[in-house]
Amino acid sequence: MASNEATKKADAARGPNRGAAPLPPQRATPPARPAPKRVGPAEFLGQVRDEARKVTWPTRKETTVTTMMVFIMVVVASLFFVAVDQVLRVGVGFILGIGA
């Protein structure tokens, strides 16, 4: 690349690191966490049971209503995709001239 006196002076004024990206600041390493306390199988199962007691379980009515809603949505989605499939089948058949 050709360079004249003005660009040489500008290059010298910019410094030797022209075009080099500045280095990102170094992140401080987080302090090491202490190792978790190991528990035996019996104590672990006790902790699991305690946590399971805290769960808010749905009632039978909530479970039944939610299950029925899922089944209804599956039927609606199935009917929708059958309809779309049939429309696409007729459209492709019309374009390609398959089946009159």
C-alpha atoms as a PDB file:
ATOM      1  CA  MET A   1       0.000   0.000   0.000  1.00  0.00           C
ATOM      2  CA  ALA A   2       1.362   3.357  -0.970  1.00  0.00           C
ATOM      3  CA  SER A   3       2.030   5.821   1.810  1.00  0.00           C
ATOM      4  CA  ASN A   4       2.920   9.498   1.771  1.00  0.00           C
ATOM      5  CA  GLU A   5       4.514  11.747   4.371  1.00  0.00           C
ATOM      6  CA  ALA A   6       1.204  12.765   5.963  1.00  0.00           C
ATOM      7  CA  THR A   7       0.092   9.205   6.561  1.00  0.00           C
ATOM      8  CA  LYS A   8       3.535   8.277   7.911  1.00  0.00           C
ATOM      9  CA  LYS A   9       3.257  11.087  10.479  1.00  0.00           C
ATOM     10  CA  ALA A  10      -0.292  10.012  11.397  1.00  0.00           C
ATOM     11  CA  ASP A  11       0.846   6.396  11.771  1.00  0.00           C
ATOM     12  CA  ALA A  12       3.710   7.463  14.040  1.00  0.00           C
ATOM     13  CA  ALA A  13       1.335   9.558  16.156  1.00  0.00           C
ATOM     14  CA  ARG A  14      -1.068   6.635  16.613  1.00  0.00           C
ATOM     15  CA  GLY A  15       1.592   4.449  18.090  1.00  0.00           C
ATOM     16  CA  PRO A  16       2.975   0.997  17.327  1.00  0.00           C
ATOM     17  CA  ASN A  17      -0.225  -0.940  18.231  1.00  0.00           C
ATOM     18  CA  ARG A  18      -2.296   0.435  15.389  1.00  0.00           C
ATOM     19  CA  GLY A  19      -5.155  -1.901  14.600  1.00  0.00           C
ATOM     20  CA  ALA A  20      -4.518  -4.207  17.554  1.00  0.00           C
ATOM     21  CA  ALA A  21      -7.482  -4.773  19.825  1.00  0.00           C
ATOM     22  CA  PRO A  22      -6.989  -3.875  23.465  1.00  0.00           C
ATOM     23  CA  LEU A  23      -6.725  -6.823  25.821  1.00  0.00           C
ATOM     24  CA  PRO A  24      -9.849  -7.446  27.926  1.00  0.00           C
ATOM     25  CA  PRO A  25      -9.446  -6.988  31.666  1.00  0.00           C
ATOM     26  CA  GLN A  26      -8.641 -10.141  33.588  1.00  0.00           C
ATOM     27  CA  ARG A  27     -11.506 -11.546  35.643  1.00  0.00           C
ATOM     28  CA  ALA A  28     -10.912 -12.301  39.268  1.00  0.00           C
ATOM     29  CA  THR A  29     -11.278 -15.979  40.020  1.00  0.00           C
ATOM     30  CA  PRO A  30     -14.176 -16.698  42.380  1.00  0.00           C
ATOM     31  CA  PRO A  31     -13.317 -18.104  45.781  1.00  0.00           C
ATOM     32  CA  ALA A  32     -13.364 -21.876  45.997  1.00  0.00           C
ATOM     33  CA  ARG A  33     -16.530 -23.336  47.515  1.00  0.00           C
ATOM     34  CA  PRO A  34     -16.139 -25.797  50.327  1.00  0.00           C
ATOM     35  CA  ALA A  35     -16.901 -29.406  49.422  1.00  0.00           C
ATOM     36  CA  PRO A  36     -20.517 -30.351  50.238  1.00  0.00           C
ATOM     37  CA  LYS A  37     -21.022 -32.542  53.269  1.00  0.00           C
ATOM     38  CA  ARG A  38     -21.510 -36.175  52.270  1.00  0.00           C
ATOM     39  CA  VAL A  39     -24.500 -37.946  53.759  1.00  0.00           C
ATOM     40  CA  GLY A  40     -25.387 -41.610  53.981  1.00  0.00           C
ATOM     41  CA  PRO A  41     -28.242 -43.282  52.074  1.00  0.00           C
ATOM     42  CA  ALA A  42     -30.629 -43.247  55.052  1.00  0.00           C
ATOM     43  CA  GLU A  43     -30.146 -39.529  55.682  1.00  0.00           C
ATOM     44  CA  PHE A  44     -30.470 -38.821  51.947  1.00  0.00           C
ATOM     45  CA  LEU A  45     -33.815 -40.659  51.788  1.00  0.00           C
ATOM     46  CA  GLY A  46     -34.974 -38.706  54.826  1.00  0.00           C
ATOM     47  CA  GLN A  47     -34.097 -35.445  53.094  1.00  0.00           C
ATOM     48  CA  VAL A  48     -35.967 -36.586  49.986  1.00  0.00           C
ATOM     49  CA  ARG A  49     -39.047 -37.392  52.080  1.00  0.00           C
ATOM     50  CA  ASP A  50     -38.864 -33.973  53.784  1.00  0.00           C
ATOM     51  CA  GLU A  51     -38.661 -32.196  50.425  1.00  0.00           C
ATOM     52  CA  ALA A  52     -41.559 -34.267  49.027  1.00  0.00           C
ATOM     53  CA  ARG A  53     -43.724 -33.082  51.926  1.00  0.00           C
ATOM     54  CA  LYS A  54     -43.139 -29.468  50.847  1.00  0.00           C
ATOM     55  CA  VAL A  55     -44.581 -30.095  47.369  1.00  0.00           C
ATOM     56  CA  THR A  56     -48.092 -28.799  46.695  1.00  0.00           C
ATOM     57  CA  TRP A  57     -49.674 -31.806  45.008  1.00  0.00           C
ATOM     58  CA  PRO A  58     -52.665 -31.287  42.676  1.00  0.00           C
ATOM     59  CA  THR A  59     -56.077 -32.496  43.739  1.00  0.00           C
ATOM     60  CA  ARG A  60     -57.851 -35.321  41.913  1.00  0.00           C
ATOM     61  CA  LYS A  61     -60.209 -32.794  40.308  1.00  0.00           C
ATOM     62  CA  GLU A  62     -57.289 -30.633  39.032  1.00  0.00           C
ATOM     63  CA  THR A  63     -55.582 -33.719  37.600  1.00  0.00           C
ATOM     64  CA  THR A  64     -58.785 -34.894  35.885  1.00  0.00           C
ATOM     65  CA  VAL A  65     -59.535 -31.466  34.380  1.00  0.00           C
ATOM     66  CA  THR A  66     -55.970 -31.041  33.134  1.00  0.00           C
ATOM     67  CA  THR A  67     -55.958 -34.531  31.612  1.00  0.00           C
ATOM     68  CA  MET A  68     -59.233 -33.866  29.785  1.00  0.00           C
ATOM     69  CA  MET A  69     -57.873 -30.557  28.467  1.00  0.00           C
ATOM     70  CA  VAL A  70     -54.797 -32.332  27.115  1.00  0.00           C
ATOM     71  CA  PHE A  71     -56.917 -34.985  25.373  1.00  0.00           C
ATOM     72  CA  ILE A  72     -59.174 -32.317  23.834  1.00  0.00           C
ATOM     73  CA  MET A  73     -56.160 -30.344  22.554  1.00  0.00           C
ATOM     74  CA  VAL A  74     -54.677 -33.529  21.053  1.00  0.00           C
ATOM     75  CA  VAL A  75     -57.926 -34.178  19.157  1.00  0.00           C
ATOM     76  CA  VAL A  76     -58.134 -30.547  17.955  1.00  0.00           C
ATOM     77  CA  ALA A  77     -54.494 -30.569  16.812  1.00  0.00           C
ATOM     78  CA  SER A  78     -55.005 -33.917  15.043  1.00  0.00           C
ATOM     79  CA  LEU A  79     -58.050 -32.613  13.158  1.00  0.00           C
ATOM     80  CA  PHE A  80     -56.169 -29.463  12.196  1.00  0.00           C
ATOM     81  CA  PHE A  81     -53.213 -31.395  10.794  1.00  0.00           C
ATOM     82  CA  VAL A  82     -55.482 -33.825   8.932  1.00  0.00           C
ATOM     83  CA  ALA A  83     -57.234 -30.849   7.300  1.00  0.00           C
ATOM     84  CA  VAL A  84     -53.919 -29.174   6.377  1.00  0.00           C
ATOM     85  CA  ASP A  85     -52.598 -32.466   5.001  1.00  0.00           C
ATOM     86  CA  GLN A  86     -55.668 -32.952   2.812  1.00  0.00           C
ATOM     87  CA  VAL A  87     -55.493 -29.374   1.477  1.00  0.00           C
ATOM     88  CA  LEU A  88     -51.811 -29.807   0.628  1.00  0.00           C
ATOM     89  CA  ARG A  89     -52.494 -33.195  -0.980  1.00  0.00           C
ATOM     90  CA  VAL A  90     -55.193 -31.712  -3.237  1.00  0.00           C
ATOM     91  CA  GLY A  91     -53.016 -28.677  -4.033  1.00  0.00           C
ATOM     92  CA  VAL A  92     -49.971 -30.749  -4.978  1.00  0.00           C
ATOM     93  CA  GLY A  93     -52.166 -33.149  -6.991  1.00  0.00           C
ATOM     94  CA  PHE A  94     -53.655 -30.196  -8.875  1.00  0.00           C
ATOM     95  CA  ILE A  95     -50.240 -28.656  -9.592  1.00  0.00           C
ATOM     96  CA  LEU A  96     -48.670 -31.940 -10.733  1.00  0.00           C
ATOM     97  CA  GLY A  97     -51.762 -33.140 -12.558  1.00  0.00           C
ATOM     98  CA  ILE A  98     -51.924 -36.386 -10.586  1.00  0.00           C
ATOM     99  CA  GLY A  99     -55.405 -37.824 -10.229  1.00  0.00           C
ATOM    100  CA  ALA A 100     -58.156 -35.883 -11.913  1.00  0.00           C
END
